[in-house]
N, C-alpha and C. Protein backbone atom coordinates (compact mmCIF):
# COMPACT_ATOMS: atom_id res chain seq x y z
N UNK A 1 3.75 11.25 -27.90
CA UNK A 1 3.30 10.65 -26.65
C UNK A 1 3.02 9.16 -26.90
N UNK A 2 3.49 8.32 -26.01
CA UNK A 2 3.31 6.88 -26.15
C UNK A 2 1.90 6.47 -25.76
N UNK A 3 1.41 5.46 -26.44
CA UNK A 3 0.13 4.87 -26.06
C UNK A 3 0.40 3.46 -25.57
N UNK A 4 -0.39 3.04 -24.63
CA UNK A 4 -0.20 1.73 -24.03
C UNK A 4 -1.42 0.86 -24.28
N UNK A 5 -1.15 -0.39 -24.55
CA UNK A 5 -2.22 -1.36 -24.76
C UNK A 5 -2.29 -2.23 -23.49
N UNK A 6 -3.34 -2.04 -22.74
CA UNK A 6 -3.50 -2.79 -21.48
C UNK A 6 -4.34 -4.05 -21.65
N UNK A 7 -4.66 -4.41 -22.88
CA UNK A 7 -5.54 -5.57 -23.10
C UNK A 7 -4.91 -6.87 -22.62
N UNK A 8 -3.60 -6.94 -22.59
CA UNK A 8 -2.94 -8.16 -22.13
C UNK A 8 -2.33 -8.00 -20.73
N UNK A 9 -2.68 -6.93 -20.06
CA UNK A 9 -2.13 -6.68 -18.73
C UNK A 9 -2.65 -7.71 -17.73
N UNK A 10 -1.79 -8.09 -16.85
CA UNK A 10 -2.16 -9.03 -15.79
C UNK A 10 -2.51 -8.22 -14.56
N UNK A 11 -3.74 -8.36 -14.05
CA UNK A 11 -4.13 -7.55 -12.89
C UNK A 11 -3.34 -7.93 -11.64
N UNK A 12 -3.11 -6.94 -10.80
CA UNK A 12 -2.40 -7.14 -9.55
C UNK A 12 -3.33 -7.81 -8.54
N UNK A 13 -2.89 -8.91 -8.01
CA UNK A 13 -3.63 -9.61 -6.96
C UNK A 13 -2.68 -9.75 -5.77
N UNK A 14 -2.95 -9.05 -4.69
CA UNK A 14 -2.04 -9.12 -3.54
C UNK A 14 -2.03 -10.52 -2.91
N UNK A 15 -0.94 -10.81 -2.29
CA UNK A 15 -0.75 -12.08 -1.61
C UNK A 15 -1.32 -12.00 -0.20
N UNK A 16 -1.98 -13.06 0.22
CA UNK A 16 -2.43 -13.12 1.61
C UNK A 16 -1.19 -13.28 2.48
N UNK A 17 -1.20 -12.64 3.61
CA UNK A 17 -0.05 -12.65 4.51
C UNK A 17 0.33 -14.08 4.93
N UNK A 18 -0.63 -14.98 4.93
CA UNK A 18 -0.34 -16.37 5.28
C UNK A 18 0.67 -17.01 4.35
N UNK A 19 0.64 -16.63 3.07
CA UNK A 19 1.62 -17.17 2.12
C UNK A 19 3.03 -16.74 2.48
N UNK A 20 3.17 -15.48 2.87
CA UNK A 20 4.49 -14.98 3.28
C UNK A 20 4.97 -15.70 4.53
N UNK A 21 4.09 -15.86 5.49
CA UNK A 21 4.47 -16.55 6.73
C UNK A 21 4.90 -17.98 6.42
N UNK A 22 4.14 -18.66 5.57
CA UNK A 22 4.48 -20.03 5.20
C UNK A 22 5.83 -20.08 4.49
N UNK A 23 6.07 -19.17 3.56
CA UNK A 23 7.36 -19.14 2.85
C UNK A 23 8.51 -18.92 3.83
N UNK A 24 8.30 -18.05 4.81
CA UNK A 24 9.34 -17.79 5.80
C UNK A 24 9.56 -19.00 6.72
N UNK A 25 8.49 -19.72 7.01
CA UNK A 25 8.64 -20.95 7.80
C UNK A 25 9.50 -21.95 7.05
N UNK A 26 9.20 -22.14 5.78
CA UNK A 26 9.98 -23.08 4.96
C UNK A 26 11.44 -22.66 4.92
N UNK A 27 11.68 -21.37 4.67
CA UNK A 27 13.05 -20.86 4.57
C UNK A 27 13.83 -21.02 5.88
N UNK A 28 13.13 -20.89 6.99
CA UNK A 28 13.81 -20.96 8.29
C UNK A 28 13.90 -22.39 8.83
N UNK A 29 13.17 -23.31 8.21
CA UNK A 29 13.18 -24.68 8.69
C UNK A 29 12.26 -24.94 9.87
N UNK A 30 11.45 -23.95 10.22
CA UNK A 30 10.49 -24.11 11.32
C UNK A 30 9.21 -24.75 10.80
N UNK A 31 8.58 -25.55 11.62
CA UNK A 31 7.26 -26.08 11.28
C UNK A 31 6.20 -25.14 11.85
N UNK A 32 4.99 -25.29 11.37
CA UNK A 32 3.88 -24.51 11.91
C UNK A 32 3.72 -24.81 13.39
N UNK A 33 3.87 -26.06 13.75
CA UNK A 33 3.74 -26.47 15.14
C UNK A 33 4.80 -25.80 16.02
N UNK A 34 6.03 -25.73 15.51
CA UNK A 34 7.11 -25.10 16.28
C UNK A 34 6.85 -23.60 16.46
N UNK A 35 6.40 -22.94 15.39
CA UNK A 35 6.09 -21.52 15.51
C UNK A 35 4.95 -21.31 16.50
N UNK A 36 3.94 -22.16 16.41
CA UNK A 36 2.80 -22.07 17.32
C UNK A 36 3.26 -22.15 18.78
N UNK A 37 4.13 -23.10 19.04
CA UNK A 37 4.62 -23.29 20.41
C UNK A 37 5.52 -22.14 20.87
N UNK A 38 6.48 -21.76 20.02
CA UNK A 38 7.43 -20.71 20.40
C UNK A 38 6.77 -19.34 20.55
N UNK A 39 5.76 -19.08 19.71
CA UNK A 39 5.10 -17.76 19.72
C UNK A 39 3.87 -17.74 20.62
N UNK A 40 3.54 -18.91 21.20
CA UNK A 40 2.35 -19.01 22.05
C UNK A 40 1.07 -18.60 21.30
N UNK A 41 0.92 -19.19 20.09
CA UNK A 41 -0.26 -18.96 19.25
C UNK A 41 -0.99 -20.28 19.13
N UNK A 42 -2.31 -20.25 19.27
CA UNK A 42 -3.09 -21.48 19.09
C UNK A 42 -2.83 -22.03 17.70
N UNK A 43 -2.56 -23.33 17.62
CA UNK A 43 -2.23 -23.97 16.36
C UNK A 43 -3.35 -23.81 15.33
N UNK A 44 -4.59 -23.95 15.76
CA UNK A 44 -5.71 -23.82 14.83
C UNK A 44 -5.75 -22.42 14.24
N UNK A 45 -5.58 -21.41 15.08
CA UNK A 45 -5.59 -20.02 14.60
C UNK A 45 -4.45 -19.76 13.63
N UNK A 46 -3.27 -20.27 13.94
CA UNK A 46 -2.12 -20.08 13.07
C UNK A 46 -2.33 -20.78 11.73
N UNK A 47 -2.81 -22.01 11.77
CA UNK A 47 -3.09 -22.74 10.52
C UNK A 47 -4.12 -22.02 9.67
N UNK A 48 -5.16 -21.51 10.30
CA UNK A 48 -6.20 -20.79 9.56
C UNK A 48 -5.66 -19.50 8.95
N UNK A 49 -4.77 -18.84 9.65
CA UNK A 49 -4.16 -17.62 9.12
C UNK A 49 -3.25 -17.95 7.94
N UNK A 50 -2.44 -18.96 8.09
CA UNK A 50 -1.53 -19.35 7.01
C UNK A 50 -2.29 -19.80 5.77
N UNK A 51 -3.41 -20.48 5.97
CA UNK A 51 -4.20 -20.96 4.82
C UNK A 51 -5.11 -19.89 4.23
N UNK A 52 -5.14 -18.70 4.84
CA UNK A 52 -5.95 -17.61 4.30
C UNK A 52 -7.39 -17.61 4.76
N UNK A 53 -7.72 -18.46 5.71
CA UNK A 53 -9.09 -18.54 6.20
C UNK A 53 -9.37 -17.55 7.34
N UNK A 54 -8.32 -16.96 7.86
CA UNK A 54 -8.44 -16.04 8.99
C UNK A 54 -7.52 -14.85 8.74
N UNK A 55 -7.96 -13.69 9.20
CA UNK A 55 -7.12 -12.50 9.09
C UNK A 55 -6.08 -12.50 10.19
N UNK A 56 -4.95 -11.91 9.88
CA UNK A 56 -3.89 -11.76 10.87
C UNK A 56 -4.26 -10.67 11.85
N UNK A 57 -4.20 -10.98 13.12
CA UNK A 57 -4.48 -9.97 14.15
C UNK A 57 -3.18 -9.27 14.54
N UNK A 58 -3.31 -8.12 15.15
CA UNK A 58 -2.14 -7.38 15.64
C UNK A 58 -1.37 -8.23 16.64
N UNK A 59 -2.09 -8.87 17.54
CA UNK A 59 -1.44 -9.70 18.56
C UNK A 59 -0.64 -10.83 17.92
N UNK A 60 -1.24 -11.51 16.93
CA UNK A 60 -0.53 -12.62 16.29
C UNK A 60 0.69 -12.10 15.52
N UNK A 61 0.55 -10.95 14.87
CA UNK A 61 1.68 -10.37 14.14
C UNK A 61 2.84 -10.09 15.09
N UNK A 62 2.54 -9.56 16.27
CA UNK A 62 3.59 -9.28 17.25
C UNK A 62 4.23 -10.57 17.77
N UNK A 63 3.43 -11.60 17.94
CA UNK A 63 3.96 -12.88 18.41
C UNK A 63 4.88 -13.50 17.35
N UNK A 64 4.47 -13.40 16.08
CA UNK A 64 5.30 -13.93 14.99
C UNK A 64 6.60 -13.13 14.90
N UNK A 65 6.50 -11.82 15.03
CA UNK A 65 7.69 -10.97 15.01
C UNK A 65 8.69 -11.40 16.08
N UNK A 66 8.19 -11.71 17.27
CA UNK A 66 9.08 -12.06 18.38
C UNK A 66 9.87 -13.34 18.12
N UNK A 67 9.33 -14.23 17.30
CA UNK A 67 10.01 -15.49 17.02
C UNK A 67 10.78 -15.45 15.71
N UNK A 68 10.16 -14.90 14.67
CA UNK A 68 10.74 -14.97 13.33
C UNK A 68 11.49 -13.71 12.91
N UNK A 69 11.26 -12.61 13.64
CA UNK A 69 11.95 -11.37 13.30
C UNK A 69 11.34 -10.60 12.14
N UNK A 70 10.20 -11.04 11.65
CA UNK A 70 9.51 -10.31 10.58
C UNK A 70 8.74 -9.18 11.25
N UNK A 71 8.98 -7.93 10.85
CA UNK A 71 8.28 -6.83 11.52
C UNK A 71 6.76 -6.98 11.46
N UNK A 72 6.13 -6.83 12.61
CA UNK A 72 4.67 -6.93 12.69
C UNK A 72 4.02 -5.91 11.76
N UNK A 73 4.62 -4.73 11.65
CA UNK A 73 4.05 -3.70 10.78
C UNK A 73 4.02 -4.15 9.32
N UNK A 74 5.04 -4.87 8.89
CA UNK A 74 5.07 -5.41 7.52
C UNK A 74 3.95 -6.42 7.32
N UNK A 75 3.84 -7.35 8.25
CA UNK A 75 2.80 -8.37 8.16
C UNK A 75 1.41 -7.75 8.13
N UNK A 76 1.18 -6.78 9.00
CA UNK A 76 -0.14 -6.14 9.07
C UNK A 76 -0.43 -5.32 7.82
N UNK A 77 0.59 -4.67 7.26
CA UNK A 77 0.38 -3.92 6.02
C UNK A 77 0.01 -4.83 4.86
N UNK A 78 0.61 -6.00 4.80
CA UNK A 78 0.27 -6.97 3.77
C UNK A 78 -1.18 -7.41 3.94
N UNK A 79 -1.60 -7.64 5.19
CA UNK A 79 -2.99 -8.02 5.45
C UNK A 79 -3.94 -6.91 5.02
N UNK A 80 -3.60 -5.65 5.31
CA UNK A 80 -4.43 -4.51 4.92
C UNK A 80 -4.55 -4.42 3.41
N UNK A 81 -3.44 -4.60 2.70
CA UNK A 81 -3.47 -4.56 1.23
C UNK A 81 -4.41 -5.64 0.69
N UNK A 82 -4.33 -6.83 1.27
CA UNK A 82 -5.18 -7.94 0.83
C UNK A 82 -6.65 -7.63 1.11
N UNK A 83 -6.94 -7.12 2.29
CA UNK A 83 -8.33 -6.77 2.65
C UNK A 83 -8.88 -5.71 1.72
N UNK A 84 -8.08 -4.70 1.42
CA UNK A 84 -8.51 -3.62 0.53
C UNK A 84 -8.82 -4.16 -0.86
N UNK A 85 -7.98 -5.05 -1.34
CA UNK A 85 -8.21 -5.66 -2.65
C UNK A 85 -9.54 -6.40 -2.67
N UNK A 86 -9.81 -7.19 -1.64
CA UNK A 86 -11.06 -7.96 -1.59
C UNK A 86 -12.28 -7.05 -1.56
N UNK A 87 -12.19 -5.95 -0.87
CA UNK A 87 -13.33 -5.02 -0.78
C UNK A 87 -13.59 -4.31 -2.10
N UNK A 88 -12.56 -4.12 -2.90
CA UNK A 88 -12.72 -3.46 -4.21
C UNK A 88 -13.20 -4.41 -5.29
N UNK A 89 -13.06 -5.68 -5.06
CA UNK A 89 -13.40 -6.70 -6.05
C UNK A 89 -14.84 -6.66 -6.46
């Protein structure tokens, strides 16, 4: 039976959903301002979500999905994973 040495293991730290949204904005060539306007999301709320200062709401996830095509369920699941990690910390 194999034994494992976890002393050098790197702990899993989930990504805040804002990082994913930002990466997708960069990849698509959209600015935060353009997404805010097209998705009808307040710019301050969107900026706070992208920077990790605010949690993603269901409504915002659906609005982002309508513009960027990223499934709201995926975005919300990433937010849930991040929240769960913080609570276990």
